[in-house]
């Protein structure tokens, strides 16, 4: 499951960089959504297999964070943000569309950062996705603010 999360994080980074250049932005975002969906499916499988023990960083179990409603809320919020970002990115150019695009991408980036930053204390290997996400998100936000994305 950790590997699928890292792959999804990598696809997120590529999608943000691609959006910054408008290079296959939709395809790259959809690839990220597919990767994240696989990760979510593995999360569900893990919860069913283990009862949700040690599901979250810091060895928090599913019951520690609210059980299945928490998982459903996380998944739903993710897909709402992802869809909003996709719709905003393809809306006619306006300040509102650009703001929606930036909010969706930033919120999803914060999800990843909230997962990986606490794990750096466990292993410096988790610093790589944190730095990549911060760099890609910064690049995306600068480009989108200047009208490049």
N, C-alpha and C. Protein backbone atom coordinates (compact mmCIF):
# COMPACT_ATOMS: atom_id res chain seq x y z
N UNK A 1 0.82 -1.18 0.00
CA UNK A 1 0.00 0.00 0.00
C UNK A 1 0.87 1.26 0.00
N UNK A 2 1.99 1.23 0.68
CA UNK A 2 2.90 2.37 0.69
C UNK A 2 3.40 2.66 -0.72
N UNK A 3 3.71 1.60 -1.47
CA UNK A 3 4.19 1.79 -2.83
C UNK A 3 3.12 2.44 -3.70
N UNK A 4 1.87 2.01 -3.56
CA UNK A 4 0.81 2.60 -4.38
C UNK A 4 0.60 4.08 -4.02
N UNK A 5 0.77 4.42 -2.76
CA UNK A 5 0.67 5.82 -2.35
C UNK A 5 1.79 6.65 -2.93
N UNK A 6 2.99 6.09 -2.96
CA UNK A 6 4.13 6.83 -3.53
C UNK A 6 3.97 6.99 -5.04
N UNK A 7 3.45 5.95 -5.69
CA UNK A 7 3.20 6.05 -7.14
C UNK A 7 2.17 7.14 -7.41
N UNK A 8 1.09 7.16 -6.61
CA UNK A 8 0.07 8.20 -6.78
C UNK A 8 0.67 9.58 -6.54
N UNK A 9 1.53 9.71 -5.54
CA UNK A 9 2.18 10.99 -5.28
C UNK A 9 3.05 11.40 -6.47
N UNK A 10 3.77 10.45 -7.03
CA UNK A 10 4.59 10.73 -8.21
C UNK A 10 3.74 11.16 -9.40
N UNK A 11 2.60 10.51 -9.60
CA UNK A 11 1.70 10.90 -10.68
C UNK A 11 1.12 12.29 -10.44
N UNK A 12 0.87 12.61 -9.17
CA UNK A 12 0.39 13.95 -8.83
C UNK A 12 1.43 15.00 -9.22
N UNK A 13 2.69 14.74 -8.90
CA UNK A 13 3.77 15.66 -9.25
C UNK A 13 3.84 15.83 -10.78
N UNK A 14 3.80 14.73 -11.51
CA UNK A 14 3.84 14.81 -12.97
C UNK A 14 2.65 15.57 -13.54
N UNK A 15 1.47 15.34 -12.95
CA UNK A 15 0.27 16.03 -13.42
C UNK A 15 0.37 17.53 -13.20
N UNK A 16 0.92 17.94 -12.06
CA UNK A 16 1.07 19.38 -11.80
C UNK A 16 2.09 20.01 -12.74
N UNK A 17 3.19 19.33 -12.96
CA UNK A 17 4.20 19.87 -13.87
C UNK A 17 3.64 19.92 -15.29
N UNK A 18 2.95 18.87 -15.69
CA UNK A 18 2.33 18.86 -17.02
C UNK A 18 1.31 19.97 -17.19
N UNK A 19 0.52 20.23 -16.14
CA UNK A 19 -0.46 21.30 -16.20
C UNK A 19 0.23 22.66 -16.32
N UNK A 20 1.39 22.78 -15.69
CA UNK A 20 2.14 24.03 -15.76
C UNK A 20 2.60 24.34 -17.17
N UNK A 21 2.81 23.31 -17.96
CA UNK A 21 3.21 23.49 -19.35
C UNK A 21 2.07 23.26 -20.33
N UNK A 22 0.90 22.90 -19.79
CA UNK A 22 -0.25 22.52 -20.60
C UNK A 22 0.08 21.34 -21.51
N UNK A 23 1.03 20.53 -21.12
CA UNK A 23 1.43 19.37 -21.91
C UNK A 23 0.60 18.18 -21.45
N UNK A 24 -0.32 17.76 -22.26
CA UNK A 24 -1.17 16.61 -21.93
C UNK A 24 -1.74 16.73 -20.52
N UNK A 25 -2.14 17.92 -20.15
CA UNK A 25 -2.58 18.17 -18.78
C UNK A 25 -3.74 17.27 -18.37
N UNK A 26 -4.73 17.12 -19.23
CA UNK A 26 -5.89 16.29 -18.89
C UNK A 26 -5.49 14.83 -18.78
N UNK A 27 -4.71 14.35 -19.71
CA UNK A 27 -4.28 12.94 -19.68
C UNK A 27 -3.47 12.65 -18.43
N UNK A 28 -2.60 13.57 -18.08
CA UNK A 28 -1.75 13.36 -16.90
C UNK A 28 -2.59 13.42 -15.62
N UNK A 29 -3.58 14.30 -15.56
CA UNK A 29 -4.43 14.38 -14.38
C UNK A 29 -5.27 13.10 -14.27
N UNK A 30 -5.78 12.61 -15.39
CA UNK A 30 -6.56 11.37 -15.37
C UNK A 30 -5.69 10.17 -14.98
N UNK A 31 -4.44 10.17 -15.40
CA UNK A 31 -3.51 9.10 -14.98
C UNK A 31 -3.29 9.17 -13.47
N UNK A 32 -3.15 10.37 -12.93
CA UNK A 32 -3.04 10.53 -11.48
C UNK A 32 -4.29 10.00 -10.79
N UNK A 33 -5.47 10.36 -11.29
CA UNK A 33 -6.71 9.88 -10.68
C UNK A 33 -6.80 8.35 -10.74
N UNK A 34 -6.36 7.76 -11.83
CA UNK A 34 -6.36 6.29 -11.92
C UNK A 34 -5.42 5.69 -10.89
N UNK A 35 -4.23 6.26 -10.76
CA UNK A 35 -3.27 5.76 -9.77
C UNK A 35 -3.78 5.91 -8.35
N UNK A 36 -4.41 7.04 -8.07
CA UNK A 36 -4.96 7.26 -6.73
C UNK A 36 -6.13 6.32 -6.47
N UNK A 37 -6.91 6.02 -7.49
CA UNK A 37 -8.03 5.08 -7.34
C UNK A 37 -7.53 3.68 -7.02
N UNK A 38 -6.44 3.27 -7.66
CA UNK A 38 -5.84 1.97 -7.33
C UNK A 38 -5.38 1.98 -5.88
N UNK A 39 -4.75 3.07 -5.46
CA UNK A 39 -4.31 3.18 -4.07
C UNK A 39 -5.50 3.07 -3.12
N UNK A 40 -6.58 3.78 -3.42
CA UNK A 40 -7.77 3.71 -2.57
C UNK A 40 -8.34 2.29 -2.52
N UNK A 41 -8.33 1.59 -3.65
CA UNK A 41 -8.81 0.20 -3.66
C UNK A 41 -7.94 -0.66 -2.76
N UNK A 42 -6.63 -0.43 -2.78
CA UNK A 42 -5.74 -1.18 -1.90
C UNK A 42 -5.96 -0.82 -0.43
N UNK A 43 -6.30 0.42 -0.17
CA UNK A 43 -6.62 0.81 1.21
C UNK A 43 -7.84 0.03 1.70
N UNK A 44 -8.88 -0.03 0.87
CA UNK A 44 -10.08 -0.79 1.24
C UNK A 44 -9.73 -2.25 1.48
N UNK A 45 -8.94 -2.84 0.59
CA UNK A 45 -8.52 -4.24 0.75
C UNK A 45 -7.77 -4.42 2.07
N UNK A 46 -6.85 -3.49 2.37
CA UNK A 46 -6.07 -3.56 3.61
C UNK A 46 -6.97 -3.47 4.83
N UNK A 47 -7.95 -2.56 4.78
CA UNK A 47 -8.87 -2.41 5.92
C UNK A 47 -9.67 -3.69 6.13
N UNK A 48 -10.14 -4.27 5.05
CA UNK A 48 -10.91 -5.52 5.16
C UNK A 48 -10.03 -6.63 5.71
N UNK A 49 -8.80 -6.71 5.24
CA UNK A 49 -7.89 -7.77 5.65
C UNK A 49 -7.44 -7.63 7.11
N UNK A 50 -7.17 -6.39 7.54
CA UNK A 50 -6.57 -6.18 8.86
C UNK A 50 -7.51 -5.55 9.88
N UNK A 51 -8.69 -5.18 9.45
CA UNK A 51 -9.58 -4.46 10.35
C UNK A 51 -9.18 -3.01 10.53
N UNK A 52 -8.27 -2.53 9.70
CA UNK A 52 -7.85 -1.13 9.75
C UNK A 52 -6.76 -0.83 10.75
N UNK A 53 -6.11 -1.86 11.28
CA UNK A 53 -5.03 -1.66 12.25
C UNK A 53 -3.83 -1.05 11.54
N UNK A 54 -3.25 0.00 12.14
CA UNK A 54 -2.07 0.69 11.60
C UNK A 54 -2.29 1.21 10.18
N UNK A 55 -3.47 1.69 9.91
CA UNK A 55 -3.80 2.17 8.57
C UNK A 55 -3.17 3.52 8.26
N UNK A 56 -3.11 4.39 9.25
CA UNK A 56 -2.64 5.76 9.04
C UNK A 56 -1.24 5.96 9.61
N UNK A 57 -0.52 6.99 9.13
CA UNK A 57 0.80 7.28 9.68
C UNK A 57 0.75 7.42 11.20
N UNK A 58 1.81 7.00 11.84
CA UNK A 58 1.87 7.05 13.30
C UNK A 58 1.18 5.86 13.94
N UNK A 59 0.97 4.82 13.16
CA UNK A 59 0.32 3.59 13.63
C UNK A 59 -1.09 3.83 14.16
N UNK A 60 -1.80 4.77 13.56
CA UNK A 60 -3.19 5.00 13.92
C UNK A 60 -4.08 4.02 13.17
N UNK A 61 -5.01 3.46 13.87
CA UNK A 61 -5.93 2.51 13.27
C UNK A 61 -7.17 3.22 12.77
N UNK A 62 -7.92 2.53 11.95
CA UNK A 62 -9.14 3.10 11.38
C UNK A 62 -10.08 3.57 12.48
N UNK A 63 -10.21 2.79 13.53
CA UNK A 63 -11.12 3.16 14.62
C UNK A 63 -10.66 4.42 15.35
N UNK A 64 -9.35 4.69 15.33
CA UNK A 64 -8.82 5.90 15.98
C UNK A 64 -9.29 7.18 15.29
N UNK A 65 -9.63 7.08 14.01
CA UNK A 65 -9.97 8.28 13.24
C UNK A 65 -11.44 8.33 12.83
N UNK A 66 -12.25 7.40 13.33
CA UNK A 66 -13.68 7.48 13.05
C UNK A 66 -14.26 6.35 12.23
N UNK A 67 -13.48 5.33 11.94
CA UNK A 67 -14.01 4.16 11.24
C UNK A 67 -14.28 4.42 9.76
N UNK A 68 -15.17 3.60 9.21
CA UNK A 68 -15.50 3.68 7.79
C UNK A 68 -15.99 5.05 7.35
N UNK A 69 -16.77 5.77 8.18
CA UNK A 69 -17.17 7.11 7.73
C UNK A 69 -15.97 8.02 7.42
N UNK A 70 -14.89 7.87 8.16
CA UNK A 70 -13.69 8.67 7.89
C UNK A 70 -13.10 8.32 6.53
N UNK A 71 -13.03 7.03 6.22
CA UNK A 71 -12.51 6.59 4.92
C UNK A 71 -13.38 7.13 3.80
N UNK A 72 -14.67 6.98 3.95
CA UNK A 72 -15.60 7.47 2.92
C UNK A 72 -15.48 8.98 2.75
N UNK A 73 -15.34 9.70 3.84
CA UNK A 73 -15.20 11.15 3.77
C UNK A 73 -13.90 11.54 3.06
N UNK A 74 -12.82 10.85 3.37
CA UNK A 74 -11.54 11.12 2.71
C UNK A 74 -11.64 10.88 1.21
N UNK A 75 -12.19 9.73 0.84
CA UNK A 75 -12.33 9.41 -0.58
C UNK A 75 -13.22 10.44 -1.28
N UNK A 76 -14.37 10.76 -0.66
CA UNK A 76 -15.31 11.70 -1.28
C UNK A 76 -14.69 13.08 -1.44
N UNK A 77 -14.02 13.57 -0.41
CA UNK A 77 -13.40 14.89 -0.50
C UNK A 77 -12.33 14.90 -1.58
N UNK A 78 -11.54 13.84 -1.64
CA UNK A 78 -10.52 13.76 -2.68
C UNK A 78 -11.14 13.88 -4.07
N UNK A 79 -12.17 13.06 -4.34
CA UNK A 79 -12.76 13.05 -5.68
C UNK A 79 -13.49 14.36 -5.99
N UNK A 80 -14.08 15.00 -5.01
CA UNK A 80 -14.70 16.31 -5.24
C UNK A 80 -13.64 17.33 -5.63
N UNK A 81 -12.53 17.35 -4.89
CA UNK A 81 -11.44 18.28 -5.21
C UNK A 81 -10.83 17.97 -6.56
N UNK A 82 -10.62 16.70 -6.85
CA UNK A 82 -10.02 16.31 -8.13
C UNK A 82 -10.93 16.68 -9.29
N UNK A 83 -12.22 16.45 -9.13
CA UNK A 83 -13.17 16.80 -10.19
C UNK A 83 -13.26 18.32 -10.35
N UNK A 84 -13.27 19.03 -9.23
CA UNK A 84 -13.33 20.49 -9.30
C UNK A 84 -12.12 21.05 -10.02
N UNK A 85 -10.96 20.47 -9.75
CA UNK A 85 -9.74 20.93 -10.42
C UNK A 85 -9.82 20.64 -11.91
N UNK A 86 -10.33 19.48 -12.27
CA UNK A 86 -10.45 19.12 -13.68
C UNK A 86 -11.44 20.03 -14.40
N UNK A 87 -12.58 20.28 -13.79
CA UNK A 87 -13.58 21.16 -14.39
C UNK A 87 -13.04 22.58 -14.50
N UNK A 88 -12.43 23.08 -13.43
CA UNK A 88 -11.90 24.44 -13.43
C UNK A 88 -10.81 24.61 -14.48
N UNK A 89 -10.00 23.58 -14.66
CA UNK A 89 -8.91 23.67 -15.63
C UNK A 89 -9.43 23.76 -17.06
N UNK A 90 -10.65 23.28 -17.28
CA UNK A 90 -11.20 23.29 -18.64
C UNK A 90 -12.31 24.31 -18.82
N UNK A 91 -12.58 25.08 -17.80
CA UNK A 91 -13.60 26.13 -17.91
C UNK A 91 -13.01 27.28 -18.71
N UNK A 92 -13.89 28.11 -19.28
CA UNK A 92 -13.37 29.30 -19.96
C UNK A 92 -12.50 30.10 -18.98
N UNK A 93 -11.44 30.66 -19.52
CA UNK A 93 -10.49 31.39 -18.68
C UNK A 93 -11.18 32.50 -17.90
N UNK A 94 -11.07 32.41 -16.60
CA UNK A 94 -11.59 33.46 -15.73
C UNK A 94 -10.84 33.37 -14.41
N UNK A 95 -10.92 34.41 -13.64
CA UNK A 95 -10.26 34.39 -12.34
C UNK A 95 -10.85 33.30 -11.45
N UNK A 96 -12.17 33.11 -11.50
CA UNK A 96 -12.82 32.10 -10.68
C UNK A 96 -12.35 30.69 -11.05
N UNK A 97 -12.23 30.41 -12.34
CA UNK A 97 -11.76 29.09 -12.78
C UNK A 97 -10.33 28.85 -12.33
N UNK A 98 -9.46 29.87 -12.47
CA UNK A 98 -8.07 29.71 -12.05
C UNK A 98 -7.97 29.50 -10.55
N UNK A 99 -8.80 30.22 -9.78
CA UNK A 99 -8.79 30.04 -8.33
C UNK A 99 -9.25 28.62 -7.97
N UNK A 100 -10.31 28.14 -8.61
CA UNK A 100 -10.79 26.78 -8.36
C UNK A 100 -9.74 25.73 -8.69
N UNK A 101 -9.05 25.96 -9.79
CA UNK A 101 -7.98 25.05 -10.20
C UNK A 101 -6.88 25.01 -9.15
N UNK A 102 -6.48 26.17 -8.67
CA UNK A 102 -5.42 26.24 -7.66
C UNK A 102 -5.86 25.66 -6.32
N UNK A 103 -7.10 25.91 -5.93
CA UNK A 103 -7.60 25.37 -4.65
C UNK A 103 -7.62 23.85 -4.69
N UNK A 104 -8.13 23.27 -5.77
CA UNK A 104 -8.17 21.81 -5.88
C UNK A 104 -6.79 21.18 -5.82
N UNK A 105 -5.87 21.72 -6.59
CA UNK A 105 -4.51 21.17 -6.60
C UNK A 105 -3.82 21.35 -5.25
N UNK A 106 -3.99 22.51 -4.65
CA UNK A 106 -3.34 22.78 -3.36
C UNK A 106 -3.89 21.87 -2.27
N UNK A 107 -5.20 21.70 -2.22
CA UNK A 107 -5.80 20.85 -1.19
C UNK A 107 -5.33 19.41 -1.32
N UNK A 108 -5.26 18.90 -2.53
CA UNK A 108 -4.78 17.54 -2.73
C UNK A 108 -3.30 17.45 -2.35
N UNK A 109 -2.53 18.47 -2.72
CA UNK A 109 -1.13 18.49 -2.31
C UNK A 109 -0.98 18.47 -0.80
N UNK A 110 -1.85 19.18 -0.10
CA UNK A 110 -1.80 19.19 1.36
C UNK A 110 -2.15 17.82 1.94
N UNK A 111 -3.05 17.09 1.29
CA UNK A 111 -3.34 15.70 1.71
C UNK A 111 -2.05 14.88 1.69
N UNK A 112 -1.34 14.96 0.58
CA UNK A 112 -0.09 14.20 0.46
C UNK A 112 0.94 14.66 1.50
N UNK A 113 1.09 15.97 1.64
CA UNK A 113 2.08 16.48 2.58
C UNK A 113 1.74 16.09 4.02
N UNK A 114 0.46 16.12 4.36
CA UNK A 114 0.05 15.72 5.71
C UNK A 114 0.35 14.25 5.97
N UNK A 115 0.40 13.46 4.92
CA UNK A 115 0.74 12.04 5.06
C UNK A 115 2.24 11.85 5.19
N UNK A 116 3.01 12.50 4.31
CA UNK A 116 4.43 12.22 4.23
C UNK A 116 5.31 12.98 5.22
N UNK A 117 4.95 14.20 5.56
CA UNK A 117 5.81 14.97 6.46
C UNK A 117 6.02 14.27 7.80
N UNK A 118 4.97 13.75 8.46
CA UNK A 118 5.22 13.06 9.74
C UNK A 118 6.09 11.80 9.59
N UNK A 119 6.10 11.23 8.39
CA UNK A 119 6.87 10.01 8.18
C UNK A 119 8.37 10.26 8.01
N UNK A 120 8.76 11.50 7.82
CA UNK A 120 10.18 11.82 7.68
C UNK A 120 10.94 11.44 8.95
N UNK A 121 10.29 11.56 10.10
CA UNK A 121 10.94 11.18 11.36
C UNK A 121 11.27 9.69 11.38
N UNK A 122 10.49 8.89 10.66
CA UNK A 122 10.72 7.45 10.58
C UNK A 122 11.83 7.11 9.58
N UNK A 123 11.84 7.83 8.45
CA UNK A 123 12.85 7.57 7.42
C UNK A 123 12.98 8.80 6.52
N UNK A 124 14.23 9.16 6.23
CA UNK A 124 14.48 10.29 5.35
C UNK A 124 14.02 10.01 3.93
N UNK A 125 13.72 8.76 3.60
CA UNK A 125 13.21 8.44 2.28
C UNK A 125 11.90 9.16 1.98
N UNK A 126 11.18 9.53 3.04
CA UNK A 126 9.91 10.23 2.84
C UNK A 126 10.12 11.71 2.54
N UNK A 127 11.33 12.20 2.69
CA UNK A 127 11.61 13.60 2.34
C UNK A 127 11.54 13.81 0.84
N UNK A 128 11.88 12.80 0.05
CA UNK A 128 11.86 12.94 -1.41
C UNK A 128 10.47 13.27 -1.93
N UNK A 129 9.42 12.51 -1.54
CA UNK A 129 8.10 12.90 -2.04
C UNK A 129 7.65 14.27 -1.52
N UNK A 130 8.02 14.61 -0.30
CA UNK A 130 7.66 15.92 0.25
C UNK A 130 8.28 17.02 -0.60
N UNK A 131 9.56 16.91 -0.88
CA UNK A 131 10.24 17.93 -1.68
C UNK A 131 9.70 17.99 -3.10
N UNK A 132 9.43 16.83 -3.68
CA UNK A 132 8.88 16.80 -5.05
C UNK A 132 7.50 17.44 -5.10
N UNK A 133 6.65 17.14 -4.12
CA UNK A 133 5.30 17.71 -4.09
C UNK A 133 5.37 19.23 -3.88
N UNK A 134 6.21 19.67 -2.94
CA UNK A 134 6.35 21.11 -2.72
C UNK A 134 6.85 21.83 -3.97
N UNK A 135 7.84 21.25 -4.63
CA UNK A 135 8.39 21.88 -5.84
C UNK A 135 7.33 21.92 -6.96
N UNK A 136 6.66 20.81 -7.18
CA UNK A 136 5.66 20.75 -8.26
C UNK A 136 4.49 21.67 -7.96
N UNK A 137 4.04 21.68 -6.72
CA UNK A 137 2.92 22.55 -6.35
C UNK A 137 3.32 24.02 -6.48
N UNK A 138 4.52 24.35 -6.04
CA UNK A 138 5.01 25.72 -6.21
C UNK A 138 5.08 26.12 -7.67
N UNK A 139 5.63 25.23 -8.50
CA UNK A 139 5.73 25.49 -9.94
C UNK A 139 4.34 25.70 -10.54
N UNK A 140 3.42 24.80 -10.20
CA UNK A 140 2.06 24.89 -10.72
C UNK A 140 1.39 26.20 -10.31
N UNK A 141 1.52 26.57 -9.03
CA UNK A 141 0.86 27.78 -8.54
C UNK A 141 1.45 29.04 -9.19
N UNK A 142 2.76 29.06 -9.36
CA UNK A 142 3.39 30.22 -10.01
C UNK A 142 2.94 30.31 -11.46
N UNK A 143 2.96 29.18 -12.15
CA UNK A 143 2.55 29.18 -13.57
C UNK A 143 1.08 29.54 -13.72
N UNK A 144 0.23 29.02 -12.84
CA UNK A 144 -1.20 29.30 -12.97
C UNK A 144 -1.51 30.75 -12.60
N UNK A 145 -0.76 31.32 -11.68
CA UNK A 145 -0.96 32.72 -11.31
C UNK A 145 -0.57 33.64 -12.46
N UNK A 146 0.44 33.24 -13.19
CA UNK A 146 0.91 34.06 -14.32
C UNK A 146 0.15 33.75 -15.59
N UNK A 147 -0.82 32.83 -15.51
CA UNK A 147 -1.62 32.49 -16.69
C UNK A 147 -1.01 31.41 -17.55
N UNK A 148 0.07 30.75 -17.05
CA UNK A 148 0.72 29.71 -17.84
C UNK A 148 0.03 28.37 -17.75
N UNK A 149 -0.80 28.19 -16.74
CA UNK A 149 -1.51 26.92 -16.61
C UNK A 149 -2.98 27.14 -16.73
